[in-house]
Amino acid sequence: MGKTSVEPCADAELHRRLVYGDESALAEVYTAYGALVRAVAVRVTRSPGAADDVAQEVFAQLWSRPYAFDARRGSLRTWLSVLAHRRAVDWVRGEARHRKDTRADDDALHAIADAGPGPDETVVDRERSLLLHSALAELPQPQREVVHLAYFAGRTYRQAAVELGIPEGTAKTRLRTALRTLAETLADPPDPARERGA
């Protein structure tokens, strides 16, 4: 680890140099305590990447606010360890909040995805349903009967033929003709304004 610590009597001198903006003093502190700060952060966060971020924040704070350290109240080693621990705990809490928020967002998205159709979809579905029933009502009775049996009663065209007492070919032709008519009607629905002559 190289120079692993700074003599307690040197803390005050390092602090004085930091206060005066001596970058070499910061480099000395980092050389002496960088590994310690990172080790404390890894132990708390269990994440090497997070530990690197915490260490960066700790030394940035020492550089930007050197007055926060008081050599009379304890060693620089202890102060940096405590600061690293606090920052690491803050990171863990922030991650927990983030995961909670993410879960809440996911739950909200799932709730939206599972929700029923919105007002616009409901209106469109209702209009399509009305158009379909109107188009069905316009079909000739024989075709309407086959469509009803095939699509609303779940019969095959063969079963419909038996129920209606008609040949299978006739039932198939009526069904095909009815579906073609319905498709054309629904593809180009009548314009109420045009029908009123507006």
N, C-alpha and C. Protein backbone atom coordinates (compact mmCIF):
# COMPACT_ATOMS: atom_id res chain seq x y z
N MET A 1 0.83 -1.20 0.00
CA MET A 1 0.00 0.00 0.00
C MET A 1 0.86 1.25 0.00
N GLY A 2 2.18 1.06 0.05
CA GLY A 2 3.07 2.21 0.06
C GLY A 2 3.04 2.87 1.40
N LYS A 3 3.02 4.15 1.36
CA LYS A 3 2.97 4.94 2.60
C LYS A 3 1.58 4.80 3.19
N THR A 4 1.44 4.00 4.23
CA THR A 4 0.12 3.60 4.71
C THR A 4 -0.48 4.54 5.72
N SER A 5 0.29 5.39 6.33
CA SER A 5 -0.29 6.30 7.30
C SER A 5 0.57 7.56 7.42
N VAL A 6 -0.01 8.52 8.08
CA VAL A 6 0.69 9.78 8.33
C VAL A 6 0.84 9.90 9.83
N GLU A 7 1.99 10.31 10.29
CA GLU A 7 2.20 10.48 11.73
C GLU A 7 1.18 11.50 12.27
N PRO A 8 0.59 11.21 13.43
CA PRO A 8 -0.40 12.14 14.00
C PRO A 8 0.09 13.58 14.06
N CYS A 9 1.38 13.75 14.37
CA CYS A 9 1.87 15.13 14.47
C CYS A 9 1.89 15.82 13.12
N ALA A 10 1.84 15.01 12.03
CA ALA A 10 1.86 15.60 10.69
C ALA A 10 0.46 15.99 10.22
N ASP A 11 -0.59 15.48 10.89
CA ASP A 11 -1.96 15.79 10.47
C ASP A 11 -2.20 17.30 10.44
N ALA A 12 -1.76 17.98 11.48
CA ALA A 12 -1.98 19.42 11.57
C ALA A 12 -1.26 20.14 10.44
N GLU A 13 -0.06 19.69 10.10
CA GLU A 13 0.69 20.31 9.02
C GLU A 13 0.01 20.06 7.68
N LEU A 14 -0.43 18.83 7.45
CA LEU A 14 -1.16 18.51 6.21
C LEU A 14 -2.42 19.36 6.11
N HIS A 15 -3.10 19.49 7.23
CA HIS A 15 -4.33 20.28 7.26
C HIS A 15 -4.04 21.73 6.89
N ARG A 16 -2.96 22.26 7.45
CA ARG A 16 -2.59 23.65 7.15
C ARG A 16 -2.32 23.80 5.66
N ARG A 17 -1.61 22.87 5.07
CA ARG A 17 -1.30 22.94 3.64
C ARG A 17 -2.56 22.81 2.79
N LEU A 18 -3.48 21.96 3.22
CA LEU A 18 -4.75 21.81 2.49
C LEU A 18 -5.53 23.11 2.51
N VAL A 19 -5.57 23.74 3.69
CA VAL A 19 -6.28 25.01 3.82
C VAL A 19 -5.71 26.05 2.86
N TYR A 20 -4.40 26.01 2.64
CA TYR A 20 -3.76 26.96 1.73
C TYR A 20 -3.79 26.49 0.27
N GLY A 21 -4.49 25.38 0.01
CA GLY A 21 -4.66 24.93 -1.38
C GLY A 21 -3.46 24.21 -1.96
N ASP A 22 -2.69 23.56 -1.14
CA ASP A 22 -1.51 22.83 -1.60
C ASP A 22 -1.94 21.46 -2.14
N GLU A 23 -1.92 21.33 -3.47
CA GLU A 23 -2.37 20.07 -4.09
C GLU A 23 -1.48 18.89 -3.70
N SER A 24 -0.22 19.13 -3.47
CA SER A 24 0.67 18.03 -3.09
C SER A 24 0.26 17.44 -1.74
N ALA A 25 -0.34 18.27 -0.88
CA ALA A 25 -0.82 17.78 0.42
C ALA A 25 -1.98 16.80 0.20
N LEU A 26 -2.86 17.14 -0.74
CA LEU A 26 -3.97 16.24 -1.05
C LEU A 26 -3.44 14.92 -1.62
N ALA A 27 -2.44 15.00 -2.47
CA ALA A 27 -1.83 13.79 -3.05
C ALA A 27 -1.24 12.92 -1.95
N GLU A 28 -0.60 13.54 -0.95
CA GLU A 28 -0.03 12.78 0.16
C GLU A 28 -1.12 12.07 0.96
N VAL A 29 -2.20 12.78 1.23
CA VAL A 29 -3.31 12.20 1.99
C VAL A 29 -3.91 11.03 1.21
N TYR A 30 -4.06 11.21 -0.09
CA TYR A 30 -4.65 10.15 -0.92
C TYR A 30 -3.73 8.92 -0.93
N THR A 31 -2.43 9.16 -1.06
CA THR A 31 -1.47 8.05 -1.06
C THR A 31 -1.53 7.29 0.27
N ALA A 32 -1.65 8.03 1.34
CA ALA A 32 -1.66 7.42 2.67
C ALA A 32 -2.97 6.71 2.99
N TYR A 33 -4.11 7.31 2.59
CA TYR A 33 -5.40 6.82 3.07
C TYR A 33 -6.40 6.40 1.97
N GLY A 34 -6.00 6.52 0.72
CA GLY A 34 -6.92 6.17 -0.37
C GLY A 34 -7.43 4.74 -0.28
N ALA A 35 -6.51 3.81 -0.02
CA ALA A 35 -6.90 2.39 0.07
C ALA A 35 -7.81 2.15 1.27
N LEU A 36 -7.54 2.81 2.38
CA LEU A 36 -8.36 2.67 3.58
C LEU A 36 -9.79 3.16 3.31
N VAL A 37 -9.89 4.35 2.73
CA VAL A 37 -11.20 4.94 2.44
C VAL A 37 -12.00 4.01 1.52
N ARG A 38 -11.33 3.50 0.49
CA ARG A 38 -12.01 2.61 -0.47
C ARG A 38 -12.44 1.31 0.21
N ALA A 39 -11.59 0.78 1.11
CA ALA A 39 -11.91 -0.47 1.81
C ALA A 39 -13.15 -0.30 2.69
N VAL A 40 -13.23 0.85 3.39
CA VAL A 40 -14.40 1.13 4.22
C VAL A 40 -15.66 1.20 3.34
N ALA A 41 -15.54 1.87 2.21
CA ALA A 41 -16.68 2.03 1.31
C ALA A 41 -17.12 0.69 0.71
N VAL A 42 -16.16 -0.16 0.34
CA VAL A 42 -16.51 -1.47 -0.21
C VAL A 42 -17.22 -2.32 0.83
N ARG A 43 -16.75 -2.25 2.06
CA ARG A 43 -17.36 -3.05 3.13
C ARG A 43 -18.83 -2.66 3.33
N VAL A 44 -19.14 -1.39 3.19
CA VAL A 44 -20.52 -0.93 3.40
C VAL A 44 -21.38 -1.13 2.16
N THR A 45 -20.86 -0.72 1.00
CA THR A 45 -21.67 -0.76 -0.24
C THR A 45 -21.66 -2.11 -0.92
N ARG A 46 -20.61 -2.90 -0.69
CA ARG A 46 -20.42 -4.19 -1.37
C ARG A 46 -20.35 -4.01 -2.89
N SER A 47 -19.88 -2.82 -3.30
CA SER A 47 -19.77 -2.52 -4.73
C SER A 47 -18.48 -1.76 -4.98
N PRO A 48 -17.54 -2.36 -5.72
CA PRO A 48 -16.29 -1.66 -6.02
C PRO A 48 -16.52 -0.34 -6.75
N GLY A 49 -17.46 -0.32 -7.69
CA GLY A 49 -17.76 0.91 -8.41
C GLY A 49 -18.27 1.99 -7.49
N ALA A 50 -19.18 1.61 -6.58
CA ALA A 50 -19.72 2.59 -5.63
C ALA A 50 -18.61 3.05 -4.69
N ALA A 51 -17.72 2.14 -4.30
CA ALA A 51 -16.62 2.50 -3.40
C ALA A 51 -15.71 3.53 -4.05
N ASP A 52 -15.47 3.39 -5.34
CA ASP A 52 -14.65 4.38 -6.05
C ASP A 52 -15.32 5.75 -6.01
N ASP A 53 -16.65 5.76 -6.23
CA ASP A 53 -17.39 7.03 -6.19
C ASP A 53 -17.33 7.66 -4.80
N VAL A 54 -17.51 6.80 -3.78
CA VAL A 54 -17.48 7.30 -2.40
C VAL A 54 -16.10 7.89 -2.08
N ALA A 55 -15.05 7.18 -2.47
CA ALA A 55 -13.68 7.68 -2.21
C ALA A 55 -13.46 9.03 -2.89
N GLN A 56 -13.95 9.13 -4.12
CA GLN A 56 -13.80 10.40 -4.84
C GLN A 56 -14.51 11.52 -4.09
N GLU A 57 -15.72 11.23 -3.60
CA GLU A 57 -16.48 12.25 -2.86
C GLU A 57 -15.77 12.65 -1.57
N VAL A 58 -15.20 11.65 -0.88
CA VAL A 58 -14.52 11.92 0.39
C VAL A 58 -13.33 12.87 0.17
N PHE A 59 -12.51 12.55 -0.81
CA PHE A 59 -11.32 13.40 -1.03
C PHE A 59 -11.69 14.74 -1.66
N ALA A 60 -12.79 14.75 -2.41
CA ALA A 60 -13.26 16.04 -2.96
C ALA A 60 -13.73 16.94 -1.83
N GLN A 61 -14.40 16.32 -0.84
CA GLN A 61 -14.86 17.12 0.30
C GLN A 61 -13.67 17.64 1.11
N LEU A 62 -12.67 16.78 1.32
CA LEU A 62 -11.48 17.23 2.05
C LEU A 62 -10.82 18.39 1.34
N TRP A 63 -10.78 18.33 0.01
CA TRP A 63 -10.13 19.40 -0.76
C TRP A 63 -10.96 20.68 -0.75
N SER A 64 -12.27 20.54 -0.91
CA SER A 64 -13.12 21.74 -1.01
C SER A 64 -13.47 22.33 0.35
N ARG A 65 -13.46 21.47 1.40
CA ARG A 65 -13.81 21.97 2.74
C ARG A 65 -12.82 21.45 3.78
N PRO A 66 -11.57 21.84 3.66
CA PRO A 66 -10.56 21.33 4.60
C PRO A 66 -10.82 21.74 6.05
N TYR A 67 -11.60 22.81 6.26
CA TYR A 67 -11.89 23.26 7.62
C TYR A 67 -12.75 22.25 8.38
N ALA A 68 -13.43 21.35 7.65
CA ALA A 68 -14.28 20.36 8.31
C ALA A 68 -13.46 19.42 9.19
N PHE A 69 -12.20 19.24 8.86
CA PHE A 69 -11.33 18.39 9.68
C PHE A 69 -10.68 19.23 10.76
N ASP A 70 -10.72 18.68 12.01
CA ASP A 70 -10.10 19.37 13.14
C ASP A 70 -9.08 18.41 13.76
N ALA A 71 -7.81 18.70 13.55
CA ALA A 71 -6.74 17.81 14.03
C ALA A 71 -6.74 17.67 15.55
N ARG A 72 -7.34 18.64 16.27
CA ARG A 72 -7.36 18.57 17.73
C ARG A 72 -8.37 17.54 18.23
N ARG A 73 -9.33 17.17 17.37
CA ARG A 73 -10.39 16.26 17.81
C ARG A 73 -10.13 14.81 17.41
N GLY A 74 -9.13 14.56 16.60
CA GLY A 74 -8.85 13.19 16.20
C GLY A 74 -7.90 13.17 15.02
N SER A 75 -7.52 11.96 14.65
CA SER A 75 -6.57 11.81 13.54
C SER A 75 -7.27 11.95 12.20
N LEU A 76 -6.49 12.29 11.19
CA LEU A 76 -7.01 12.38 9.83
C LEU A 76 -7.50 11.02 9.35
N ARG A 77 -6.81 9.97 9.73
CA ARG A 77 -7.20 8.61 9.38
C ARG A 77 -8.61 8.30 9.88
N THR A 78 -8.85 8.61 11.14
CA THR A 78 -10.17 8.34 11.73
C THR A 78 -11.24 9.19 11.06
N TRP A 79 -10.93 10.47 10.86
CA TRP A 79 -11.90 11.38 10.25
C TRP A 79 -12.29 10.91 8.85
N LEU A 80 -11.30 10.50 8.04
CA LEU A 80 -11.57 10.02 6.68
C LEU A 80 -12.37 8.71 6.70
N SER A 81 -12.07 7.85 7.66
CA SER A 81 -12.80 6.59 7.77
C SER A 81 -14.27 6.83 8.10
N VAL A 82 -14.50 7.73 9.05
CA VAL A 82 -15.88 8.06 9.44
C VAL A 82 -16.62 8.70 8.27
N LEU A 83 -15.95 9.61 7.57
CA LEU A 83 -16.58 10.28 6.42
C LEU A 83 -16.89 9.26 5.32
N ALA A 84 -15.97 8.34 5.07
CA ALA A 84 -16.19 7.31 4.05
C ALA A 84 -17.38 6.43 4.43
N HIS A 85 -17.46 6.08 5.72
CA HIS A 85 -18.58 5.25 6.19
C HIS A 85 -19.91 5.97 5.99
N ARG A 86 -19.96 7.26 6.36
CA ARG A 86 -21.20 8.03 6.21
C ARG A 86 -21.62 8.12 4.74
N ARG A 87 -20.64 8.44 3.89
CA ARG A 87 -20.96 8.56 2.46
C ARG A 87 -21.42 7.23 1.88
N ALA A 88 -20.80 6.14 2.32
CA ALA A 88 -21.18 4.81 1.83
C ALA A 88 -22.60 4.45 2.29
N VAL A 89 -22.92 4.78 3.54
CA VAL A 89 -24.27 4.52 4.05
C VAL A 89 -25.29 5.34 3.26
N ASP A 90 -24.95 6.60 2.96
CA ASP A 90 -25.83 7.44 2.14
C ASP A 90 -26.06 6.79 0.78
N TRP A 91 -24.98 6.24 0.20
CA TRP A 91 -25.11 5.58 -1.11
C TRP A 91 -26.06 4.39 -1.02
N VAL A 92 -25.90 3.57 0.03
CA VAL A 92 -26.76 2.39 0.20
C VAL A 92 -28.22 2.81 0.35
N ARG A 93 -28.46 3.84 1.15
CA ARG A 93 -29.84 4.32 1.33
C ARG A 93 -30.42 4.86 0.02
N GLY A 94 -29.56 5.58 -0.71
CA GLY A 94 -30.01 6.11 -2.00
C GLY A 94 -30.37 4.99 -2.97
N GLU A 95 -29.56 3.93 -2.98
CA GLU A 95 -29.85 2.78 -3.85
C GLU A 95 -31.15 2.12 -3.44
N ALA A 96 -31.38 1.99 -2.13
CA ALA A 96 -32.62 1.37 -1.65
C ALA A 96 -33.83 2.19 -2.09
N ARG A 97 -33.72 3.52 -1.96
CA ARG A 97 -34.82 4.39 -2.40
C ARG A 97 -35.04 4.25 -3.90
N HIS A 98 -33.91 4.21 -4.65
CA HIS A 98 -34.01 4.09 -6.10
C HIS A 98 -34.70 2.80 -6.50
N ARG A 99 -34.32 1.68 -5.84
CA ARG A 99 -34.96 0.39 -6.14
C ARG A 99 -36.44 0.43 -5.80
N LYS A 100 -36.77 1.07 -4.67
CA LYS A 100 -38.17 1.17 -4.27
C LYS A 100 -38.96 1.98 -5.29
N ASP A 101 -38.38 3.11 -5.71
CA ASP A 101 -39.04 3.96 -6.71
C ASP A 101 -39.19 3.22 -8.03
N THR A 102 -38.15 2.46 -8.40
CA THR A 102 -38.20 1.71 -9.66
C THR A 102 -39.30 0.66 -9.60
N ARG A 103 -39.39 -0.04 -8.44
CA ARG A 103 -40.46 -1.04 -8.29
C ARG A 103 -41.82 -0.38 -8.37
N ALA A 104 -41.94 0.80 -7.73
CA ALA A 104 -43.23 1.51 -7.78
C ALA A 104 -43.57 1.91 -9.21
N ASP A 105 -42.54 2.38 -9.96
CA ASP A 105 -42.77 2.74 -11.36
C ASP A 105 -43.17 1.53 -12.17
N ASP A 106 -42.48 0.39 -11.93
CA ASP A 106 -42.81 -0.84 -12.65
C ASP A 106 -44.23 -1.28 -12.34
N ASP A 107 -44.60 -1.21 -11.05
CA ASP A 107 -45.96 -1.59 -10.66
C ASP A 107 -46.99 -0.70 -11.35
N ALA A 108 -46.68 0.60 -11.40
CA ALA A 108 -47.60 1.54 -12.05
C ALA A 108 -47.73 1.22 -13.54
N LEU A 109 -46.60 0.91 -14.18
CA LEU A 109 -46.64 0.57 -15.61
C LEU A 109 -47.44 -0.70 -15.85
N HIS A 110 -47.26 -1.71 -14.96
CA HIS A 110 -48.02 -2.94 -15.12
C HIS A 110 -49.51 -2.69 -14.91
N ALA A 111 -49.81 -1.80 -13.95
CA ALA A 111 -51.22 -1.48 -13.70
C ALA A 111 -51.83 -0.82 -14.93
N ILE A 112 -51.06 0.06 -15.57
CA ILE A 112 -51.56 0.72 -16.78
C ILE A 112 -51.73 -0.31 -17.89
N ALA A 113 -50.74 -1.19 -18.02
CA ALA A 113 -50.80 -2.19 -19.10
C ALA A 113 -51.98 -3.13 -18.91
N ASP A 114 -52.33 -3.42 -17.62
CA ASP A 114 -53.41 -4.38 -17.36
C ASP A 114 -54.78 -3.71 -17.33
N ALA A 115 -54.81 -2.39 -17.38
CA ALA A 115 -56.09 -1.68 -17.30
C ALA A 115 -56.94 -1.97 -18.53
N GLY A 116 -58.24 -1.78 -18.39
CA GLY A 116 -59.14 -1.99 -19.52
C GLY A 116 -58.97 -0.90 -20.55
N PRO A 117 -59.74 -0.97 -21.62
CA PRO A 117 -59.61 0.04 -22.67
C PRO A 117 -59.96 1.43 -22.15
N GLY A 118 -59.27 2.42 -22.71
CA GLY A 118 -59.52 3.80 -22.32
C GLY A 118 -60.81 4.31 -22.95
N PRO A 119 -61.19 5.54 -22.62
CA PRO A 119 -62.44 6.10 -23.14
C PRO A 119 -62.48 6.13 -24.67
N ASP A 120 -61.36 6.51 -25.31
CA ASP A 120 -61.34 6.57 -26.77
C ASP A 120 -61.56 5.20 -27.37
N GLU A 121 -60.86 4.17 -26.82
CA GLU A 121 -61.00 2.82 -27.35
C GLU A 121 -62.43 2.32 -27.16
N THR A 122 -63.02 2.67 -26.02
CA THR A 122 -64.39 2.22 -25.75
C THR A 122 -65.35 2.81 -26.78
N VAL A 123 -65.17 4.09 -27.08
CA VAL A 123 -66.04 4.75 -28.06
C VAL A 123 -65.88 4.10 -29.43
N VAL A 124 -64.62 3.87 -29.83
CA VAL A 124 -64.36 3.26 -31.13
C VAL A 124 -64.97 1.87 -31.19
N ASP A 125 -64.78 1.07 -30.12
CA ASP A 125 -65.35 -0.28 -30.09
C ASP A 125 -66.87 -0.24 -30.19
N ARG A 126 -67.46 0.73 -29.50
CA ARG A 126 -68.93 0.84 -29.53
C ARG A 126 -69.41 1.19 -30.94
N GLU A 127 -68.66 2.12 -31.59
CA GLU A 127 -69.04 2.51 -32.96
C GLU A 127 -68.90 1.33 -33.92
N ARG A 128 -67.80 0.56 -33.75
CA ARG A 128 -67.62 -0.61 -34.63
C ARG A 128 -68.73 -1.62 -34.42
N SER A 129 -69.10 -1.82 -33.14
CA SER A 129 -70.17 -2.77 -32.83
C SER A 129 -71.50 -2.33 -33.47
N LEU A 130 -71.77 -1.02 -33.36
CA LEU A 130 -73.01 -0.51 -33.96
C LEU A 130 -72.99 -0.66 -35.48
N LEU A 131 -71.83 -0.36 -36.09
CA LEU A 131 -71.70 -0.52 -37.54
C LEU A 131 -71.91 -1.97 -37.96
N LEU A 132 -71.32 -2.89 -37.18
CA LEU A 132 -71.44 -4.31 -37.50
C LEU A 132 -72.90 -4.75 -37.42
N HIS A 133 -73.57 -4.38 -36.35
CA HIS A 133 -74.97 -4.79 -36.20
C HIS A 133 -75.85 -4.16 -37.28
N SER A 134 -75.52 -2.91 -37.63
CA SER A 134 -76.28 -2.26 -38.69
C SER A 134 -76.05 -2.96 -40.03
N ALA A 135 -74.78 -3.32 -40.28
CA ALA A 135 -74.45 -4.01 -41.53
C ALA A 135 -75.10 -5.39 -41.58
N LEU A 136 -75.12 -6.07 -40.43
CA LEU A 136 -75.77 -7.39 -40.38
C LEU A 136 -77.27 -7.27 -40.67
N ALA A 137 -77.88 -6.22 -40.14
CA ALA A 137 -79.32 -6.03 -40.35
C ALA A 137 -79.65 -5.79 -41.82
N GLU A 138 -78.68 -5.27 -42.59
CA GLU A 138 -78.90 -4.99 -44.00
C GLU A 138 -78.76 -6.24 -44.88
N LEU A 139 -78.18 -7.30 -44.31
CA LEU A 139 -78.00 -8.52 -45.11
C LEU A 139 -79.35 -9.18 -45.36
N PRO A 140 -79.46 -9.89 -46.48
CA PRO A 140 -80.68 -10.69 -46.71
C PRO A 140 -80.81 -11.73 -45.61
N GLN A 141 -82.04 -12.09 -45.29
CA GLN A 141 -82.31 -13.02 -44.19
C GLN A 141 -81.51 -14.33 -44.29
N PRO A 142 -81.44 -14.99 -45.46
CA PRO A 142 -80.69 -16.26 -45.54
C PRO A 142 -79.21 -16.09 -45.18
N GLN A 143 -78.58 -15.01 -45.62
CA GLN A 143 -77.17 -14.77 -45.30
C GLN A 143 -77.00 -14.45 -43.81
N ARG A 144 -77.93 -13.65 -43.29
CA ARG A 144 -77.86 -13.26 -41.88
C ARG A 144 -77.94 -14.49 -40.97
N GLU A 145 -78.76 -15.46 -41.34
CA GLU A 145 -78.91 -16.68 -40.54
C GLU A 145 -77.60 -17.48 -40.49
N VAL A 146 -76.95 -17.60 -41.65
CA VAL A 146 -75.69 -18.36 -41.69
C VAL A 146 -74.61 -17.65 -40.87
N VAL A 147 -74.50 -16.33 -41.01
CA VAL A 147 -73.51 -15.57 -40.24
C VAL A 147 -73.76 -15.72 -38.75
N HIS A 148 -75.03 -15.63 -38.36
CA HIS A 148 -75.36 -15.75 -36.94
C HIS A 148 -74.93 -17.11 -36.39
N LEU A 149 -75.25 -18.16 -37.13
CA LEU A 149 -74.87 -19.49 -36.65
C LEU A 149 -73.35 -19.69 -36.63
N ALA A 150 -72.67 -19.19 -37.67
CA ALA A 150 -71.22 -19.41 -37.78
C ALA A 150 -70.42 -18.56 -36.79
N TYR A 151 -70.83 -17.30 -36.57
CA TYR A 151 -70.00 -16.40 -35.77
C TYR A 151 -70.54 -16.09 -34.37
N PHE A 152 -71.82 -16.23 -34.19
CA PHE A 152 -72.37 -15.93 -32.87
C PHE A 152 -72.77 -17.19 -32.11
N ALA A 153 -73.04 -18.27 -32.85
CA ALA A 153 -73.40 -19.53 -32.20
C ALA A 153 -72.26 -20.54 -32.28
N GLY A 154 -71.18 -20.18 -32.96
CA GLY A 154 -70.00 -21.04 -32.99
C GLY A 154 -70.12 -22.28 -33.85
N ARG A 155 -71.00 -22.27 -34.83
CA ARG A 155 -71.16 -23.44 -35.70
C ARG A 155 -70.22 -23.35 -36.90
N THR A 156 -69.88 -24.52 -37.46
CA THR A 156 -69.17 -24.54 -38.74
C THR A 156 -70.22 -24.35 -39.82
N TYR A 157 -69.77 -24.07 -41.06
CA TYR A 157 -70.76 -23.89 -42.12
C TYR A 157 -71.51 -25.21 -42.39
N ARG A 158 -70.84 -26.34 -42.13
CA ARG A 158 -71.51 -27.64 -42.31
C ARG A 158 -72.63 -27.81 -41.27
N GLN A 159 -72.32 -27.45 -40.01
CA GLN A 159 -73.34 -27.54 -38.95
C GLN A 159 -74.49 -26.57 -39.22
N ALA A 160 -74.13 -25.37 -39.72
CA ALA A 160 -75.18 -24.40 -40.06
C ALA A 160 -76.07 -24.94 -41.16
N ALA A 161 -75.47 -25.59 -42.14
CA ALA A 161 -76.26 -26.17 -43.25
C ALA A 161 -77.25 -27.19 -42.71
N VAL A 162 -76.79 -28.02 -41.78
CA VAL A 162 -77.68 -29.05 -41.21
C VAL A 162 -78.83 -28.38 -40.46
N GLU A 163 -78.51 -27.38 -39.63
CA GLU A 163 -79.55 -26.71 -38.83
C GLU A 163 -80.56 -25.99 -39.71
N LEU A 164 -80.07 -25.40 -40.82
CA LEU A 164 -80.97 -24.65 -41.70
C LEU A 164 -81.63 -25.54 -42.75
N GLY A 165 -81.17 -26.79 -42.84
CA GLY A 165 -81.75 -27.72 -43.81
C GLY A 165 -81.42 -27.35 -45.24
N ILE A 166 -80.19 -26.85 -45.46
CA ILE A 166 -79.77 -26.48 -46.81
C ILE A 166 -78.48 -27.22 -47.15
N PRO A 167 -78.14 -27.34 -48.43
CA PRO A 167 -76.89 -28.00 -48.81
C PRO A 167 -75.68 -27.25 -48.26
N GLU A 168 -74.60 -28.00 -48.00
CA GLU A 168 -73.38 -27.38 -47.47
C GLU A 168 -72.84 -26.31 -48.41
N GLY A 169 -72.88 -26.59 -49.71
CA GLY A 169 -72.37 -25.63 -50.68
C GLY A 169 -73.14 -24.32 -50.61
N THR A 170 -74.45 -24.40 -50.40
CA THR A 170 -75.28 -23.20 -50.30
C THR A 170 -74.91 -22.40 -49.05
N ALA A 171 -74.74 -23.12 -47.95
CA ALA A 171 -74.36 -22.45 -46.69
C ALA A 171 -73.01 -21.75 -46.85
N LYS A 172 -72.08 -22.43 -47.50
CA LYS A 172 -70.75 -21.86 -47.69
C LYS A 172 -70.81 -20.62 -48.57
N THR A 173 -71.60 -20.69 -49.65
CA THR A 173 -71.73 -19.55 -50.57
C THR A 173 -72.37 -18.36 -49.87
N ARG A 174 -73.44 -18.63 -49.10
CA ARG A 174 -74.12 -17.55 -48.39
C ARG A 174 -73.17 -16.89 -47.38
N LEU A 175 -72.40 -17.72 -46.69
CA LEU A 175 -71.46 -17.18 -45.70
C LEU A 175 -70.39 -16.34 -46.38
N ARG A 176 -69.83 -16.84 -47.47
CA ARG A 176 -68.78 -16.11 -48.18
C ARG A 176 -69.33 -14.78 -48.71
N THR A 177 -70.52 -14.81 -49.30
CA THR A 177 -71.13 -13.59 -49.85
C THR A 177 -71.41 -12.58 -48.73
N ALA A 178 -71.93 -13.08 -47.60
CA ALA A 178 -72.25 -12.19 -46.47
C ALA A 178 -70.98 -11.54 -45.93
N LEU A 179 -69.91 -12.32 -45.79
CA LEU A 179 -68.67 -11.77 -45.25
C LEU A 179 -68.08 -10.73 -46.19
N ARG A 180 -68.18 -10.97 -47.50
CA ARG A 180 -67.67 -9.99 -48.46
C ARG A 180 -68.46 -8.68 -48.34
N THR A 181 -69.76 -8.81 -48.23
CA THR A 181 -70.62 -7.62 -48.11
C THR A 181 -70.30 -6.85 -46.83
N LEU A 182 -70.15 -7.59 -45.73
CA LEU A 182 -69.84 -6.95 -44.45
C LEU A 182 -68.49 -6.23 -44.51
N ALA A 183 -67.50 -6.89 -45.13
CA ALA A 183 -66.17 -6.29 -45.23
C ALA A 183 -66.22 -5.00 -46.02
N GLU A 184 -66.96 -4.98 -47.11
CA GLU A 184 -67.08 -3.77 -47.92
C GLU A 184 -67.79 -2.67 -47.16
N THR A 185 -68.85 -3.04 -46.44
CA THR A 185 -69.63 -2.05 -45.70
C THR A 185 -68.81 -1.43 -44.57
N LEU A 186 -68.09 -2.28 -43.85
CA LEU A 186 -67.32 -1.79 -42.71
C LEU A 186 -66.07 -1.04 -43.14
N ALA A 187 -65.55 -1.37 -44.34
CA ALA A 187 -64.36 -0.68 -44.83
C ALA A 187 -64.70 0.74 -45.26
N ASP A 188 -65.93 0.95 -45.72
CA ASP A 188 -66.36 2.27 -46.19
C ASP A 188 -67.70 2.59 -45.56
N PRO A 189 -67.73 2.88 -44.23
CA PRO A 189 -69.00 3.14 -43.57
C PRO A 189 -69.68 4.39 -44.12
N PRO A 190 -70.99 4.41 -44.09
CA PRO A 190 -71.70 5.58 -44.61
C PRO A 190 -71.41 6.83 -43.78
N ASP A 191 -71.38 7.97 -44.46
CA ASP A 191 -71.14 9.25 -43.79
C ASP A 191 -72.51 9.85 -43.46
N PRO A 192 -72.84 9.95 -42.15
CA PRO A 192 -74.18 10.48 -41.77
C PRO A 192 -74.44 11.86 -42.33
N ALA A 193 -73.41 12.70 -42.36
CA ALA A 193 -73.59 14.08 -42.87
C ALA A 193 -73.94 14.05 -44.34
N ARG A 194 -73.26 13.14 -45.11
CA ARG A 194 -73.52 13.06 -46.53
C ARG A 194 -74.92 12.52 -46.77
N GLU A 195 -75.35 11.57 -45.91
CA GLU A 195 -76.68 10.99 -46.10
C GLU A 195 -77.77 12.03 -45.81
N ARG A 196 -77.46 12.98 -44.90
CA ARG A 196 -78.45 14.03 -44.60
C ARG A 196 -78.45 15.11 -45.65
N GLY A 197 -77.49 15.01 -46.62
CA GLY A 197 -77.42 16.02 -47.65
C GLY A 197 -76.69 17.26 -47.24
N ALA A 198 -75.90 17.17 -46.16
CA ALA A 198 -75.15 18.32 -45.66
C ALA A 198 -73.91 18.53 -46.48
